[in-house]
C-alpha atoms as a PDB file:
ATOM      1  CA  UNK A   1       0.000   0.000   0.000  1.00  0.00           C
ATOM      2  CA  UNK A   2       1.332   3.449  -0.971  1.00  0.00           C
ATOM      3  CA  UNK A   3       1.729   6.042   1.751  1.00  0.00           C
ATOM      4  CA  UNK A   4       2.527   8.915  -0.630  1.00  0.00           C
ATOM      5  CA  UNK A   5      -0.315  11.030   0.786  1.00  0.00           C
ATOM      6  CA  UNK A   6      -0.064   9.982   4.434  1.00  0.00           C
ATOM      7  CA  UNK A   7       0.402  12.793   6.929  1.00  0.00           C
ATOM      8  CA  UNK A   8       0.714  12.807  10.696  1.00  0.00           C
ATOM      9  CA  UNK A   9      -1.348  15.136  12.859  1.00  0.00           C
ATOM     10  CA  UNK A  10       0.321  15.442  16.253  1.00  0.00           C
ATOM     11  CA  UNK A  11      -1.844  16.813  19.054  1.00  0.00           C
ATOM     12  CA  UNK A  12      -1.329  17.970  22.630  1.00  0.00           C
ATOM     13  CA  UNK A  13      -5.063  18.035  23.346  1.00  0.00           C
ATOM     14  CA  UNK A  14      -7.960  15.950  22.016  1.00  0.00           C
ATOM     15  CA  UNK A  15      -9.885  19.202  21.513  1.00  0.00           C
ATOM     16  CA  UNK A  16      -7.784  19.894  18.399  1.00  0.00           C
ATOM     17  CA  UNK A  17      -8.522  16.603  16.658  1.00  0.00           C
ATOM     18  CA  UNK A  18     -12.037  17.111  15.295  1.00  0.00           C
ATOM     19  CA  UNK A  19     -11.483  20.655  13.916  1.00  0.00           C
ATOM     20  CA  UNK A  20      -8.441  19.659  11.875  1.00  0.00           C
ATOM     21  CA  UNK A  21     -10.088  16.422  10.684  1.00  0.00           C
ATOM     22  CA  UNK A  22     -13.007  18.512   9.462  1.00  0.00           C
ATOM     23  CA  UNK A  23     -10.689  20.953   7.686  1.00  0.00           C
ATOM     24  CA  UNK A  24      -8.836  18.182   5.843  1.00  0.00           C
ATOM     25  CA  UNK A  25     -12.084  16.480   4.845  1.00  0.00           C
ATOM     26  CA  UNK A  26     -13.377  19.730   3.335  1.00  0.00           C
ATOM     27  CA  UNK A  27     -10.232  21.267   1.901  1.00  0.00           C
ATOM     28  CA  UNK A  28      -7.694  18.486   1.285  1.00  0.00           C
ATOM     29  CA  UNK A  29      -9.627  15.212   0.933  1.00  0.00           C
ATOM     30  CA  UNK A  30      -6.842  13.689  -1.173  1.00  0.00           C
ATOM     31  CA  UNK A  31      -4.579  13.466   1.894  1.00  0.00           C
ATOM     32  CA  UNK A  32      -4.578  10.575   4.360  1.00  0.00           C
ATOM     33  CA  UNK A  33      -4.120  11.918   7.889  1.00  0.00           C
ATOM     34  CA  UNK A  34      -3.514   9.855  11.006  1.00  0.00           C
ATOM     35  CA  UNK A  35      -3.481  11.126  14.580  1.00  0.00           C
ATOM     36  CA  UNK A  36      -0.956  11.028  17.410  1.00  0.00           C
ATOM     37  CA  UNK A  37      -2.145  12.370  20.768  1.00  0.00           C
ATOM     38  CA  UNK A  38       0.244  13.202  23.617  1.00  0.00           C
ATOM     39  CA  UNK A  39      -1.929  15.088  26.061  1.00  0.00           C
ATOM     40  CA  UNK A  40       0.676  15.580  28.788  1.00  0.00           C
ATOM     41  CA  UNK A  41       2.486  18.145  26.621  1.00  0.00           C
ATOM     42  CA  UNK A  42       0.123  21.035  27.386  1.00  0.00           C
ATOM     43  CA  UNK A  43      -0.080  20.193  31.070  1.00  0.00           C
ATOM     44  CA  UNK A  44       3.698  20.112  31.382  1.00  0.00           C
ATOM     45  CA  UNK A  45       4.231  23.274  29.348  1.00  0.00           C
ATOM     46  CA  UNK A  46       1.602  25.268  31.259  1.00  0.00           C
ATOM     47  CA  UNK A  47       3.806  24.937  34.333  1.00  0.00           C
ATOM     48  CA  UNK A  48       7.001  26.016  32.535  1.00  0.00           C
ATOM     49  CA  UNK A  49       8.159  29.446  31.425  1.00  0.00           C
ATOM     50  CA  UNK A  50      10.373  28.172  28.621  1.00  0.00           C
ATOM     51  CA  UNK A  51      10.571  25.133  26.358  1.00  0.00           C
ATOM     52  CA  UNK A  52      13.023  22.805  28.077  1.00  0.00           C
ATOM     53  CA  UNK A  53      15.649  20.612  26.370  1.00  0.00           C
ATOM     54  CA  UNK A  54      13.578  17.605  27.425  1.00  0.00           C
ATOM     55  CA  UNK A  55      10.567  19.026  25.576  1.00  0.00           C
ATOM     56  CA  UNK A  56      12.663  19.436  22.415  1.00  0.00           C
ATOM     57  CA  UNK A  57      13.603  15.766  22.700  1.00  0.00           C
ATOM     58  CA  UNK A  58       9.969  14.729  23.108  1.00  0.00           C
ATOM     59  CA  UNK A  59       9.013  16.548  19.917  1.00  0.00           C
ATOM     60  CA  UNK A  60      11.885  14.967  18.030  1.00  0.00           C
ATOM     61  CA  UNK A  61      10.776  11.507  19.172  1.00  0.00           C
ATOM     62  CA  UNK A  62       7.200  12.220  18.068  1.00  0.00           C
ATOM     63  CA  UNK A  63       8.468  13.309  14.651  1.00  0.00           C
ATOM     64  CA  UNK A  64      10.610  10.197  14.307  1.00  0.00           C
ATOM     65  CA  UNK A  65       7.671   7.962  15.204  1.00  0.00           C
ATOM     66  CA  UNK A  66       5.442   9.684  12.636  1.00  0.00           C
ATOM     67  CA  UNK A  67       8.048   9.248   9.891  1.00  0.00           C
ATOM     68  CA  UNK A  68       8.574   5.611  10.893  1.00  0.00           C
ATOM     69  CA  UNK A  69       4.856   5.123  10.290  1.00  0.00           C
ATOM     70  CA  UNK A  70       5.061   6.445   6.750  1.00  0.00           C
ATOM     71  CA  UNK A  71       4.256  10.132   7.207  1.00  0.00           C
ATOM     72  CA  UNK A  72       5.230  12.240   4.207  1.00  0.00           C
ATOM     73  CA  UNK A  73       4.305  15.408   6.075  1.00  0.00           C
ATOM     74  CA  UNK A  74       3.663  16.389   9.684  1.00  0.00           C
ATOM     75  CA  UNK A  75       1.351  19.005  11.138  1.00  0.00           C
ATOM     76  CA  UNK A  76       1.660  19.800  14.825  1.00  0.00           C
ATOM     77  CA  UNK A  77      -1.577  21.216  16.229  1.00  0.00           C
ATOM     78  CA  UNK A  78      -0.164  22.384  19.579  1.00  0.00           C
ATOM     79  CA  UNK A  79       0.463  26.122  19.378  1.00  0.00           C
ATOM     80  CA  UNK A  80       2.742  26.678  22.394  1.00  0.00           C
ATOM     81  CA  UNK A  81       5.777  24.790  21.042  1.00  0.00           C
ATOM     82  CA  UNK A  82       6.969  26.694  17.967  1.00  0.00           C
ATOM     83  CA  UNK A  83      10.750  26.503  18.593  1.00  0.00           C
ATOM     84  CA  UNK A  84      10.617  22.740  19.249  1.00  0.00           C
ATOM     85  CA  UNK A  85       8.696  22.207  16.015  1.00  0.00           C
ATOM     86  CA  UNK A  86      11.157  24.377  14.086  1.00  0.00           C
ATOM     87  CA  UNK A  87      13.987  22.201  15.384  1.00  0.00           C
ATOM     88  CA  UNK A  88      12.203  19.098  14.068  1.00  0.00           C
ATOM     89  CA  UNK A  89      11.649  20.726  10.674  1.00  0.00           C
ATOM     90  CA  UNK A  90      15.357  21.474  10.369  1.00  0.00           C
ATOM     91  CA  UNK A  91      16.276  17.815  10.954  1.00  0.00           C
ATOM     92  CA  UNK A  92      13.947  16.197   8.416  1.00  0.00           C
ATOM     93  CA  UNK A  93      13.382  16.652   4.695  1.00  0.00           C
ATOM     94  CA  UNK A  94       9.605  16.186   4.712  1.00  0.00           C
ATOM     95  CA  UNK A  95       7.279  19.188   5.206  1.00  0.00           C
ATOM     96  CA  UNK A  96       6.767  19.817   8.938  1.00  0.00           C
ATOM     97  CA  UNK A  97       4.398  22.644   9.807  1.00  0.00           C
ATOM     98  CA  UNK A  98       3.889  24.576  12.979  1.00  0.00           C
ATOM     99  CA  UNK A  99       0.169  24.861  13.735  1.00  0.00           C
ATOM    100  CA  UNK A 100      -0.181  28.555  12.968  1.00  0.00           C
ATOM    101  CA  UNK A 101       2.499  28.930  10.314  1.00  0.00           C
ATOM    102  CA  UNK A 102       0.067  28.884   7.396  1.00  0.00           C
ATOM    103  CA  UNK A 103      -2.418  31.186   9.145  1.00  0.00           C
ATOM    104  CA  UNK A 104       0.338  33.700   9.881  1.00  0.00           C
ATOM    105  CA  UNK A 105       1.405  33.628   6.230  1.00  0.00           C
ATOM    106  CA  UNK A 106      -2.140  34.193   4.983  1.00  0.00           C
ATOM    107  CA  UNK A 107      -2.623  37.021   7.453  1.00  0.00           C
ATOM    108  CA  UNK A 108       0.567  38.781   6.359  1.00  0.00           C
ATOM    109  CA  UNK A 109      -0.384  38.465   2.692  1.00  0.00           C
ATOM    110  CA  UNK A 110      -3.691  40.238   3.391  1.00  0.00           C
ATOM    111  CA  UNK A 111      -4.238  43.840   2.254  1.00  0.00           C
ATOM    112  CA  UNK A 112      -0.823  44.103   0.558  1.00  0.00           C
ATOM    113  CA  UNK A 113      -1.280  47.803  -0.281  1.00  0.00           C
ATOM    114  CA  UNK A 114      -1.952  48.783   3.332  1.00  0.00           C
ATOM    115  CA  UNK A 115       1.047  50.322   5.109  1.00  0.00           C
ATOM    116  CA  UNK A 116       0.249  49.062   8.622  1.00  0.00           C
ATOM    117  CA  UNK A 117      -1.669  45.825   9.164  1.00  0.00           C
ATOM    118  CA  UNK A 118      -3.700  45.756  12.366  1.00  0.00           C
ATOM    119  CA  UNK A 119      -3.956  42.189  13.683  1.00  0.00           C
ATOM    120  CA  UNK A 120      -5.459  40.503  16.729  1.00  0.00           C
ATOM    121  CA  UNK A 121      -4.245  37.144  18.013  1.00  0.00           C
ATOM    122  CA  UNK A 122      -6.951  35.524  20.149  1.00  0.00           C
ATOM    123  CA  UNK A 123      -6.138  32.486  22.299  1.00  0.00           C
ATOM    124  CA  UNK A 124      -7.878  30.276  24.827  1.00  0.00           C
ATOM    125  CA  UNK A 125      -4.600  28.695  26.040  1.00  0.00           C
ATOM    126  CA  UNK A 126      -2.686  31.530  27.668  1.00  0.00           C
ATOM    127  CA  UNK A 127       0.729  29.825  27.543  1.00  0.00           C
ATOM    128  CA  UNK A 128       0.595  29.876  23.735  1.00  0.00           C
ATOM    129  CA  UNK A 129       0.423  33.661  23.397  1.00  0.00           C
ATOM    130  CA  UNK A 130       4.052  34.590  24.123  1.00  0.00           C
ATOM    131  CA  UNK A 131       5.717  32.128  21.695  1.00  0.00           C
ATOM    132  CA  UNK A 132       3.080  32.787  19.047  1.00  0.00           C
ATOM    133  CA  UNK A 133       3.568  36.545  19.356  1.00  0.00           C
ATOM    134  CA  UNK A 134       7.321  36.134  18.877  1.00  0.00           C
ATOM    135  CA  UNK A 135       6.782  33.799  15.918  1.00  0.00           C
ATOM    136  CA  UNK A 136       4.310  36.118  14.209  1.00  0.00           C
ATOM    137  CA  UNK A 137       6.424  39.247  14.664  1.00  0.00           C
ATOM    138  CA  UNK A 138       9.499  37.447  13.336  1.00  0.00           C
ATOM    139  CA  UNK A 139       7.530  36.356  10.277  1.00  0.00           C
ATOM    140  CA  UNK A 140       6.181  39.882   9.803  1.00  0.00           C
ATOM    141  CA  UNK A 141       9.742  41.167   9.787  1.00  0.00           C
ATOM    142  CA  UNK A 142      10.714  38.563   7.201  1.00  0.00           C
ATOM    143  CA  UNK A 143       7.718  39.608   5.092  1.00  0.00           C
ATOM    144  CA  UNK A 144       8.741  43.263   5.584  1.00  0.00           C
ATOM    145  CA  UNK A 145       5.295  44.135   6.864  1.00  0.00           C
ATOM    146  CA  UNK A 146       4.630  46.651   9.570  1.00  0.00           C
ATOM    147  CA  UNK A 147       1.985  45.332  11.961  1.00  0.00           C
ATOM    148  CA  UNK A 148       0.176  46.377  15.089  1.00  0.00           C
ATOM    149  CA  UNK A 149      -0.517  43.191  17.056  1.00  0.00           C
ATOM    150  CA  UNK A 150      -3.056  42.829  19.848  1.00  0.00           C
ATOM    151  CA  UNK A 151      -2.938  39.672  21.979  1.00  0.00           C
ATOM    152  CA  UNK A 152      -6.091  38.514  23.759  1.00  0.00           C
ATOM    153  CA  UNK A 153      -6.584  35.621  26.171  1.00  0.00           C
ATOM    154  CA  UNK A 154     -10.194  34.444  26.438  1.00  0.00           C
ATOM    155  CA  UNK A 155     -10.323  33.187  30.003  1.00  0.00           C
ATOM    156  CA  UNK A 156     -12.048  29.884  30.839  1.00  0.00           C
ATOM    157  CA  UNK A 157     -13.206  29.297  27.252  1.00  0.00           C
ATOM    158  CA  UNK A 158     -10.993  26.241  26.784  1.00  0.00           C
ATOM    159  CA  UNK A 159     -12.391  24.697  29.952  1.00  0.00           C
ATOM    160  CA  UNK A 160     -15.915  25.430  28.730  1.00  0.00           C
ATOM    161  CA  UNK A 161     -15.163  23.467  25.579  1.00  0.00           C
ATOM    162  CA  UNK A 162     -13.663  20.598  27.574  1.00  0.00           C
ATOM    163  CA  UNK A 163     -16.854  20.545  29.653  1.00  0.00           C
ATOM    164  CA  UNK A 164     -18.989  20.231  26.529  1.00  0.00           C
ATOM    165  CA  UNK A 165     -20.188  23.852  26.619  1.00  0.00           C
ATOM    166  CA  UNK A 166     -19.483  24.594  22.952  1.00  0.00           C
ATOM    167  CA  UNK A 167     -21.922  27.488  22.612  1.00  0.00           C
ATOM    168  CA  UNK A 168     -20.500  29.216  25.681  1.00  0.00           C
ATOM    169  CA  UNK A 169     -16.965  28.708  24.353  1.00  0.00           C
ATOM    170  CA  UNK A 170     -17.899  30.228  21.002  1.00  0.00           C
ATOM    171  CA  UNK A 171     -19.777  33.135  22.601  1.00  0.00           C
ATOM    172  CA  UNK A 172     -16.871  34.112  24.858  1.00  0.00           C
ATOM    173  CA  UNK A 173     -14.514  34.185  21.882  1.00  0.00           C
ATOM    174  CA  UNK A 174     -16.925  36.165  19.726  1.00  0.00           C
ATOM    175  CA  UNK A 175     -17.588  38.693  22.484  1.00  0.00           C
ATOM    176  CA  UNK A 176     -13.883  39.261  23.024  1.00  0.00           C
ATOM    177  CA  UNK A 177     -13.512  39.992  19.315  1.00  0.00           C
ATOM    178  CA  UNK A 178     -16.570  42.257  19.179  1.00  0.00           C
ATOM    179  CA  UNK A 179     -14.805  44.644  21.577  1.00  0.00           C
ATOM    180  CA  UNK A 180     -11.918  45.152  19.141  1.00  0.00           C
ATOM    181  CA  UNK A 181     -12.003  48.314  17.078  1.00  0.00           C
ATOM    182  CA  UNK A 182     -10.132  49.162  13.899  1.00  0.00           C
ATOM    183  CA  UNK A 183      -8.723  45.673  13.257  1.00  0.00           C
ATOM    184  CA  UNK A 184      -7.963  44.199   9.828  1.00  0.00           C
ATOM    185  CA  UNK A 185      -7.383  40.504  10.571  1.00  0.00           C
ATOM    186  CA  UNK A 186      -8.276  38.351  13.570  1.00  0.00           C
ATOM    187  CA  UNK A 187      -6.484  35.054  14.066  1.00  0.00           C
ATOM    188  CA  UNK A 188      -7.989  32.334  16.268  1.00  0.00           C
ATOM    189  CA  UNK A 189      -4.905  30.755  17.790  1.00  0.00           C
ATOM    190  CA  UNK A 190      -5.967  27.290  18.930  1.00  0.00           C
ATOM    191  CA  UNK A 191      -7.218  24.571  16.582  1.00  0.00           C
ATOM    192  CA  UNK A 192      -9.960  23.955  19.126  1.00  0.00           C
ATOM    193  CA  UNK A 193     -11.306  27.460  18.423  1.00  0.00           C
ATOM    194  CA  UNK A 194     -12.076  26.776  14.768  1.00  0.00           C
ATOM    195  CA  UNK A 195     -15.800  26.135  15.186  1.00  0.00           C
ATOM    196  CA  UNK A 196     -16.160  29.585  16.794  1.00  0.00           C
ATOM    197  CA  UNK A 197     -15.171  31.191  13.485  1.00  0.00           C
ATOM    198  CA  UNK A 198     -18.689  31.613  12.106  1.00  0.00           C
ATOM    199  CA  UNK A 199     -20.095  33.363  15.179  1.00  0.00           C
ATOM    200  CA  UNK A 200     -16.923  35.404  15.582  1.00  0.00           C
ATOM    201  CA  UNK A 201     -17.029  36.557  11.961  1.00  0.00           C
ATOM    202  CA  UNK A 202     -20.619  37.704  12.449  1.00  0.00           C
ATOM    203  CA  UNK A 203     -19.459  40.144  15.129  1.00  0.00           C
ATOM    204  CA  UNK A 204     -16.655  41.872  13.227  1.00  0.00           C
ATOM    205  CA  UNK A 205     -15.831  43.405   9.865  1.00  0.00           C
ATOM    206  CA  UNK A 206     -12.280  42.072  10.116  1.00  0.00           C
ATOM    207  CA  UNK A 207     -11.231  38.889   8.352  1.00  0.00           C
ATOM    208  CA  UNK A 208     -11.317  35.976  10.847  1.00  0.00           C
ATOM    209  CA  UNK A 209      -8.795  33.218  10.125  1.00  0.00           C
ATOM    210  CA  UNK A 210      -8.517  29.768  11.701  1.00  0.00           C
ATOM    211  CA  UNK A 211      -5.450  27.582  11.918  1.00  0.00           C
ATOM    212  CA  UNK A 212      -7.034  24.306  10.666  1.00  0.00           C
ATOM    213  CA  UNK A 213      -8.323  25.678   7.366  1.00  0.00           C
ATOM    214  CA  UNK A 214      -5.106  27.525   6.580  1.00  0.00           C
ATOM    215  CA  UNK A 215      -2.956  24.547   7.603  1.00  0.00           C
ATOM    216  CA  UNK A 216      -4.908  21.984   5.564  1.00  0.00           C
ATOM    217  CA  UNK A 217      -4.602  24.028   2.375  1.00  0.00           C
ATOM    218  CA  UNK A 218      -0.939  24.821   2.953  1.00  0.00           C
ATOM    219  CA  UNK A 219       0.093  21.249   3.716  1.00  0.00           C
ATOM    220  CA  UNK A 220      -1.713  19.993   0.616  1.00  0.00           C
ATOM    221  CA  UNK A 221       0.183  22.513  -1.510  1.00  0.00           C
ATOM    222  CA  UNK A 222       3.525  21.717   0.140  1.00  0.00           C
ATOM    223  CA  UNK A 223       3.143  17.979  -0.333  1.00  0.00           C
ATOM    224  CA  UNK A 224       2.333  18.525  -4.008  1.00  0.00           C
ATOM    225  CA  UNK A 225       5.421  20.719  -4.411  1.00  0.00           C
ATOM    226  CA  UNK A 226       7.584  18.314  -2.409  1.00  0.00           C
ATOM    227  CA  UNK A 227       6.559  15.369  -4.604  1.00  0.00           C
ATOM    228  CA  UNK A 228       7.202  17.176  -7.893  1.00  0.00           C
END
């Protein structure tokens, strides 16, 4: 059996699994994703201020396992571990994407004629905001785009989702966005926030992007380019 379209989705929370599965089914049905869940990653990282050497090793082992199982591309869905994922990408020849890499790229390509791009990064996992902010600003510099970035933590929304309170989760996110003024693009940081996009978009004139949709399209394109 050929594994030419097999990709690994590596998760730190089960909340990310359904949104990305839905995105691939809609936007990249030709790919064959499989899931790896290591749900102690977020718990361990929430208690740490930096990504430890041991955490880098854990990500490398996860990457090696995915490749051993035939993965021709890897998408990490855990947004607090950008540097560890970058280290994995440097060691392997297959496409390895950080969860928000594609969303950041799409955001920075928006409104190309506008001098200053006003962006909001909205997260339900507070520990993800600092590394994501650094990653986005570094990418903005590489793109030579001047940005104003607002970072927002939606308190308790992730726990609402874990408790099965989807509507409450979505409403808290949408309300936090509705209070933003003069914003061009809003990025929903966690994969688990993707289903809040519709309600959130209804409360703002800004473009609302989600990581799963952007990542599914980008990985499909990268695998096509990598194979050719």
